[in-house]
Protein backbone atom coordinates (compact mmCIF):
# COMPACT_ATOMS: atom_id res chain seq x y z
CA UNK A 1 203.11 138.79 -14.44
CA UNK A 2 205.38 136.36 -16.23
CA UNK A 3 203.29 133.49 -17.61
CA UNK A 4 205.93 131.71 -19.69
CA UNK A 5 205.88 128.79 -17.26
CA UNK A 6 202.22 128.11 -18.07
CA UNK A 7 203.09 127.19 -21.66
CA UNK A 8 205.78 124.74 -20.61
CA UNK A 9 203.60 123.37 -17.82
CA UNK A 10 200.69 122.82 -20.18
CA UNK A 11 202.84 121.12 -22.80
CA UNK A 12 204.42 118.86 -20.21
CA UNK A 13 201.08 117.93 -18.63
CA UNK A 14 199.47 117.30 -22.02
CA UNK A 15 202.34 115.04 -23.06
CA UNK A 16 202.28 113.08 -19.78
CA UNK A 17 198.51 112.74 -20.02
CA UNK A 18 198.88 111.41 -23.58
CA UNK A 19 201.54 108.89 -22.57
CA UNK A 20 199.31 107.66 -19.73
CA UNK A 21 196.31 107.26 -22.00
CA UNK A 22 198.34 105.46 -24.68
CA UNK A 23 199.84 103.11 -22.05
CA UNK A 24 196.37 102.42 -20.67
CA UNK A 25 195.09 101.59 -24.14
CA UNK A 26 198.02 99.30 -24.90
CA UNK A 27 197.07 97.10 -21.94
CA UNK A 28 193.52 96.61 -23.19
CA UNK A 29 192.60 93.48 -25.10
CA UNK A 30 191.19 95.32 -28.11
CA UNK A 31 192.93 98.59 -28.87
CA UNK A 32 192.12 100.52 -31.99
CA UNK A 33 195.21 101.32 -34.05
CA UNK A 34 193.31 104.34 -35.44
CA UNK A 35 192.75 105.68 -31.92
CA UNK A 36 196.45 105.26 -31.08
CA UNK A 37 197.31 107.09 -34.30
CA UNK A 38 195.03 109.99 -33.42
CA UNK A 39 196.57 110.18 -29.97
CA UNK A 40 200.07 110.33 -31.45
CA UNK A 41 199.02 113.54 -33.24
CA UNK A 42 198.89 115.27 -29.87
CA UNK A 43 202.68 115.24 -29.44
CA UNK A 44 203.40 117.55 -32.40
CA UNK A 45 200.63 119.85 -31.14
CA UNK A 46 202.39 120.07 -27.77
CA UNK A 47 205.62 120.98 -29.56
CA UNK A 48 203.82 123.68 -31.53
CA UNK A 49 202.33 124.99 -28.28
CA UNK A 50 205.85 125.56 -27.00
CA UNK A 51 206.54 127.54 -30.19
CA UNK A 52 203.55 129.73 -29.25
CA UNK A 53 201.41 128.75 -32.22
CA UNK A 54 197.88 129.99 -31.53
CA UNK A 55 196.40 127.28 -33.76
CA UNK A 56 197.94 124.57 -31.61
CA UNK A 57 196.58 126.22 -28.48
CA UNK A 58 193.10 126.38 -29.95
CA UNK A 59 193.16 122.74 -31.08
CA UNK A 60 194.50 121.57 -27.73
CA UNK A 61 191.80 123.46 -25.81
CA UNK A 62 189.19 121.80 -28.00
CA UNK A 63 190.93 118.42 -27.58
CA UNK A 64 190.97 118.73 -23.81
CA UNK A 65 187.32 119.81 -23.75
CA UNK A 66 186.45 116.57 -25.54
CA UNK A 67 188.69 114.68 -23.14
CA UNK A 68 186.81 116.13 -20.16
CA UNK A 69 183.52 115.09 -21.76
CA UNK A 70 184.85 111.55 -22.35
CA UNK A 71 186.05 111.36 -18.75
CA UNK A 72 182.57 112.28 -17.55
CA UNK A 73 180.47 109.98 -19.75
CA UNK A 74 182.71 106.96 -20.40
CA UNK A 75 181.58 104.51 -17.72
CA UNK A 76 183.99 101.81 -18.94
CA UNK A 77 186.77 103.74 -17.25
CA UNK A 78 187.46 103.06 -13.58
CA UNK A 79 186.41 105.94 -11.31
CA UNK A 80 190.01 106.90 -10.35
CA UNK A 81 190.94 106.97 -14.06
CA UNK A 82 187.92 109.15 -14.83
CA UNK A 83 188.86 111.60 -12.09
CA UNK A 84 192.53 111.68 -13.09
CA UNK A 85 191.68 112.24 -16.75
CA UNK A 86 189.18 115.01 -15.97
CA UNK A 87 191.53 116.81 -13.55
CA UNK A 88 194.46 116.54 -15.97
CA UNK A 89 192.41 117.83 -18.92
CA UNK A 90 190.89 120.70 -16.99
CA UNK A 91 194.26 121.71 -15.53
CA UNK A 92 195.91 121.65 -18.93
CA UNK A 93 193.07 123.72 -20.44
CA UNK A 94 193.43 126.25 -17.62
CA UNK A 95 197.18 126.51 -18.16
CA UNK A 96 196.70 127.07 -21.88
CA UNK A 97 194.06 129.72 -21.19
CA UNK A 98 196.40 131.47 -18.75
CA UNK A 99 199.15 131.48 -21.38
CA UNK A 100 197.01 133.01 -24.14
CA UNK A 101 198.38 136.57 -23.65
CA UNK A 102 201.78 135.20 -24.73
CA UNK A 103 200.38 134.32 -28.13
CA UNK A 104 199.57 137.94 -29.01
CA UNK A 105 201.74 139.38 -31.77
CA UNK A 106 204.48 141.57 -30.35
CA UNK A 107 204.48 145.10 -31.70
CA UNK A 108 207.71 146.32 -33.27
CA UNK A 109 208.49 149.89 -32.35
């Protein structure tokens, strides 16, 4: 089964999720510049995911696990935002997990 689409889908979803979170933070009265800086680090990770770097996949799975936890426990978020963040993070994690066979080193015969 060809799973190449899962890598591109995960990278696209992760990038869109990141843009949405950054935009949401920019409309808050008190936004941490440090938090925005940390979120900007996600874009290069998405690029490295497209290059099939296993380290980027591992970091992004961990990142999305933390995002799911934040979506569940952060009551300052509106309920629709919590649901959207959780669904997006879990979908992206699933897509990365489905794409993991692509990260295996290819044997040279």
